[in-house]
Amino acid sequence: MAVRACGLIIYRRLQPSPSSKAADSIEYLLLQTSYGTHHWTPPKGHVDPGEDDLQTAFRETQEEAGLQASQLTLVEGYRKELQYPVHGKPKTVVYWLAEVKDCNTEIKLSEEHQAFRWLKLEDACRFAEYEDMQATLKDAHQFLSSKKNFLKLEYKKGTEQSEGCFPGKPGAERAATWQLWCTISITSDNRLALIKSCHFYRRVNKAC
């Protein structure tokens, strides 16, 4: 009988530098096991009787990293299933993507892990070691980096232009440019369906 496990690829988005792309600000959470070869992996674990896969993923994330479901935003449209042998038996691992709502959220490890790291994609792949996990991280990163999931808007106080220049954040005393990164959902005909997880990141004072 195949072993089944589920988990979450947890990421956070830091404040990007003026010249960086949105995807460059993404860091992934990897945990180092306190047993075996001390490999690095996202939080995951075996499905318990009576659980569905997603319930398992959230439970394991809470147990292994101390992250409650309320502290996470599940990314719609992403699900990755891996299949590989372990000790001669087939194993299936299912991952979803989830973003921490606060990038400074504390990570609390269980006894199953001895360390954690927030890592950019290149370093995360180096720590992960296994090719299937590296490929999964790259796939998740590509999903997050695609134009269907990120939208950049510029806000300028006192003007409204067709390229997305709107009145600035309430209370701003001087003319300013704000960058707003949003996670969005796109309909099949490329019309905007839903905007969520929007954050103002940077202001540059200048005349509009």
Protein backbone atom coordinates (compact mmCIF):
# COMPACT_ATOMS: atom_id res chain seq x y z
CA MET A 1 0.00 0.00 0.00
CA ALA A 2 1.34 3.42 -0.95
CA VAL A 3 2.31 5.86 1.78
CA ARG A 4 0.56 9.24 1.46
CA ALA A 5 1.77 12.54 2.92
CA CYS A 6 0.70 16.17 2.50
CA GLY A 7 2.23 19.53 3.25
CA LEU A 8 2.43 23.24 2.48
CA ILE A 9 5.11 25.13 0.63
CA ILE A 10 5.24 28.18 2.86
CA TYR A 11 6.57 31.46 1.51
CA ARG A 12 6.80 35.08 2.54
CA ARG A 13 7.16 38.22 0.49
CA LEU A 14 9.64 40.82 1.72
CA GLN A 15 9.68 44.50 0.76
CA PRO A 16 11.24 44.61 -2.72
CA SER A 17 14.00 47.03 -3.64
CA PRO A 18 13.10 49.74 -6.18
CA SER A 19 14.75 47.87 -9.08
CA SER A 20 13.78 44.31 -8.14
CA LYS A 21 11.01 42.13 -9.49
CA ALA A 22 8.20 40.87 -7.26
CA ALA A 23 9.42 37.30 -7.46
CA ASP A 24 12.86 38.37 -6.18
CA SER A 25 11.31 39.25 -2.82
CA ILE A 26 9.94 35.74 -2.21
CA GLU A 27 11.52 33.47 0.41
CA TYR A 28 10.56 29.85 1.11
CA LEU A 29 10.46 28.15 4.49
CA LEU A 30 12.46 24.93 4.80
CA LEU A 31 12.81 22.81 7.94
CA GLN A 32 15.77 20.56 8.75
CA THR A 33 14.87 17.18 10.21
CA SER A 34 16.42 16.10 13.50
CA TYR A 35 16.64 12.49 12.32
CA GLY A 36 18.11 10.49 9.45
CA THR A 37 20.16 12.50 6.98
CA HIS A 38 18.90 15.82 8.42
CA HIS A 39 17.42 16.80 5.08
CA TRP A 40 15.56 20.06 4.43
CA THR A 41 11.93 20.07 3.40
CA PRO A 42 8.71 22.10 3.67
CA PRO A 43 6.42 21.02 6.52
CA LYS A 44 4.60 17.81 5.63
CA GLY A 45 3.47 14.53 7.15
CA HIS A 46 1.37 11.39 6.82
CA VAL A 47 -2.38 11.53 6.42
CA ASP A 48 -4.20 10.40 9.57
CA PRO A 49 -7.40 8.31 9.41
CA GLY A 50 -10.45 10.50 8.82
CA GLU A 51 -8.45 13.42 7.43
CA ASP A 52 -8.54 14.79 3.93
CA ASP A 53 -5.30 15.83 2.28
CA LEU A 54 -5.59 19.56 2.92
CA GLN A 55 -6.47 19.03 6.58
CA THR A 56 -3.28 17.00 6.90
CA ALA A 57 -1.22 19.73 5.26
CA PHE A 58 -2.48 22.38 7.71
CA ARG A 59 -2.16 20.10 10.74
CA GLU A 60 1.41 19.14 9.89
CA THR A 61 2.35 22.77 9.29
CA GLN A 62 1.00 23.68 12.71
CA GLU A 63 2.77 20.77 14.41
CA GLU A 64 6.11 21.17 12.67
CA ALA A 65 6.40 24.95 12.22
CA GLY A 66 3.92 26.35 14.73
CA LEU A 67 1.94 28.13 12.03
CA GLN A 68 -1.83 28.26 12.49
CA ALA A 69 -4.16 28.16 9.49
CA SER A 70 -5.33 31.66 10.44
CA GLN A 71 -1.76 32.94 9.91
CA LEU A 72 -1.66 31.69 6.33
CA THR A 73 -3.28 32.51 3.01
CA LEU A 74 -3.73 29.47 0.79
CA VAL A 75 -2.89 30.24 -2.86
CA GLU A 76 -5.71 29.16 -5.10
CA GLY A 77 -4.96 27.14 -8.21
CA TYR A 78 -1.77 25.42 -7.08
CA ARG A 79 -1.45 21.76 -6.14
CA LYS A 80 1.59 19.58 -6.79
CA GLU A 81 1.70 15.81 -6.41
CA LEU A 82 5.00 13.91 -6.17
CA GLN A 83 5.49 10.18 -6.39
CA TYR A 84 8.70 8.36 -5.50
CA PRO A 85 9.84 5.16 -3.74
CA VAL A 86 10.90 5.13 -0.06
CA HIS A 87 12.49 1.99 1.33
CA GLY A 88 11.12 0.05 -1.62
CA LYS A 89 7.54 1.27 -1.16
CA PRO A 90 5.71 3.87 -3.28
CA LYS A 91 5.07 7.24 -1.62
CA THR A 92 2.82 10.09 -2.71
CA VAL A 93 3.33 13.63 -1.38
CA VAL A 94 0.88 16.44 -2.15
CA TYR A 95 1.84 20.09 -1.69
CA TRP A 96 -0.14 23.32 -1.72
CA LEU A 97 1.19 26.88 -1.62
CA ALA A 98 0.54 29.19 1.32
CA GLU A 99 1.77 32.68 2.17
CA VAL A 100 2.33 33.87 5.73
CA LYS A 101 0.21 36.97 6.34
CA ASP A 102 2.97 38.54 8.46
CA CYS A 103 6.50 37.99 7.18
CA ASN A 104 7.81 38.32 10.77
CA THR A 105 5.66 35.47 12.10
CA GLU A 106 7.57 33.33 14.60
CA ILE A 107 8.44 29.77 13.58
CA LYS A 108 8.16 27.21 16.39
CA LEU A 109 9.79 23.89 15.61
CA SER A 110 8.71 20.51 16.94
CA GLU A 111 11.11 17.80 18.10
CA GLU A 112 11.09 16.41 14.57
CA HIS A 113 13.15 19.37 13.32
CA GLN A 114 16.30 21.08 14.52
CA ALA A 115 16.51 24.19 12.35
CA PHE A 116 14.63 26.32 9.84
CA ARG A 117 15.61 28.80 7.15
CA TRP A 118 13.86 31.36 4.98
CA LEU A 119 15.52 31.05 1.59
CA LYS A 120 15.41 32.59 -1.87
CA LEU A 121 14.69 30.09 -4.65
CA GLU A 122 18.31 29.34 -5.58
CA ASP A 123 19.34 28.68 -1.98
CA ALA A 124 16.15 26.74 -1.27
CA CYS A 125 16.92 24.39 -4.16
CA ARG A 126 20.48 23.94 -2.91
CA PHE A 127 19.28 23.07 0.60
CA ALA A 128 16.51 20.77 -0.67
CA GLU A 129 19.05 18.51 -2.48
CA TYR A 130 16.50 16.08 -3.94
CA GLU A 131 15.69 16.73 -7.59
CA ASP A 132 11.93 16.27 -7.20
CA MET A 133 11.80 18.82 -4.38
CA GLN A 134 13.97 21.24 -6.34
CA ALA A 135 11.65 20.89 -9.33
CA THR A 136 8.62 21.48 -7.10
CA LEU A 137 10.10 24.67 -5.65
CA LYS A 138 10.92 25.94 -9.13
CA ASP A 139 7.41 25.09 -10.29
CA ALA A 140 5.88 26.95 -7.34
CA HIS A 141 8.13 29.94 -7.97
CA GLN A 142 7.15 30.03 -11.63
CA PHE A 143 3.51 29.91 -10.63
CA LEU A 144 3.96 32.85 -8.27
CA SER A 145 6.03 34.77 -10.80
CA SER A 146 3.59 34.43 -13.66
CA LYS A 147 1.67 37.44 -14.86
CA LYS A 148 -1.54 35.70 -13.91
CA ASN A 149 -0.64 35.89 -10.24
CA PHE A 150 1.15 39.21 -9.79
CA LEU A 151 0.00 42.68 -10.69
CA LYS A 152 1.97 45.87 -10.20
CA LEU A 153 0.15 49.18 -9.92
CA GLU A 154 1.50 52.68 -9.36
CA TYR A 155 -0.43 55.14 -7.21
CA LYS A 156 0.23 58.89 -7.48
CA LYS A 157 -1.43 61.48 -5.34
CA GLY A 158 -3.78 63.85 -7.11
CA THR A 159 -3.85 62.30 -10.59
CA GLU A 160 -5.71 59.55 -12.37
CA GLN A 161 -4.29 58.12 -15.59
CA SER A 162 -5.05 55.16 -17.80
CA GLU A 163 -1.87 53.25 -16.89
CA GLY A 164 -3.04 52.79 -13.32
CA CYS A 165 -2.17 56.08 -11.63
CA PHE A 166 -4.73 56.87 -8.97
CA PRO A 167 -5.03 59.10 -5.90
CA GLY A 168 -2.41 58.19 -3.30
CA LYS A 169 -2.82 56.64 0.11
CA PRO A 170 -5.08 58.76 2.36
CA GLY A 171 -3.12 61.04 4.66
CA ALA A 172 -0.08 61.45 2.43
CA GLU A 173 1.12 65.04 2.83
CA ARG A 174 3.20 65.28 -0.33
CA ALA A 175 2.99 63.93 -3.85
CA ALA A 176 4.14 60.33 -3.72
CA THR A 177 4.42 57.17 -5.76
CA TRP A 178 3.32 53.95 -4.10
CA GLN A 179 3.96 50.43 -5.31
CA LEU A 180 1.17 47.95 -4.68
CA TRP A 181 1.71 44.23 -5.22
CA CYS A 182 -1.39 42.10 -5.43
CA THR A 183 -2.04 38.40 -5.68
CA ILE A 184 -4.82 38.08 -8.21
CA SER A 185 -7.01 35.55 -9.96
CA ILE A 186 -7.52 35.81 -13.73
CA THR A 187 -10.49 34.53 -15.70
CA SER A 188 -9.98 32.47 -18.85
CA ASP A 189 -10.57 35.50 -21.05
CA ASN A 190 -7.84 37.43 -19.15
CA ARG A 191 -10.23 39.69 -17.29
CA LEU A 192 -9.49 40.44 -13.66
CA ALA A 193 -11.66 38.27 -11.45
CA LEU A 194 -10.34 38.83 -7.93
CA ILE A 195 -7.69 40.90 -6.18
CA LYS A 196 -6.38 39.71 -2.82
CA SER A 197 -3.32 39.98 -0.56
CA CYS A 198 -2.55 43.56 -1.60
CA HIS A 199 0.23 45.46 0.16
CA PHE A 200 1.71 48.94 -0.24
CA TYR A 201 5.49 48.65 -0.27
CA ARG A 202 7.34 51.82 -1.27
CA ARG A 203 6.85 55.55 -1.51
CA VAL A 204 8.97 58.00 -3.48
CA ASN A 205 8.15 61.67 -2.97
CA LYS A 206 7.99 63.56 -6.23
CA ALA A 207 5.72 65.83 -8.20
CA CYS A 208 2.85 64.16 -10.00
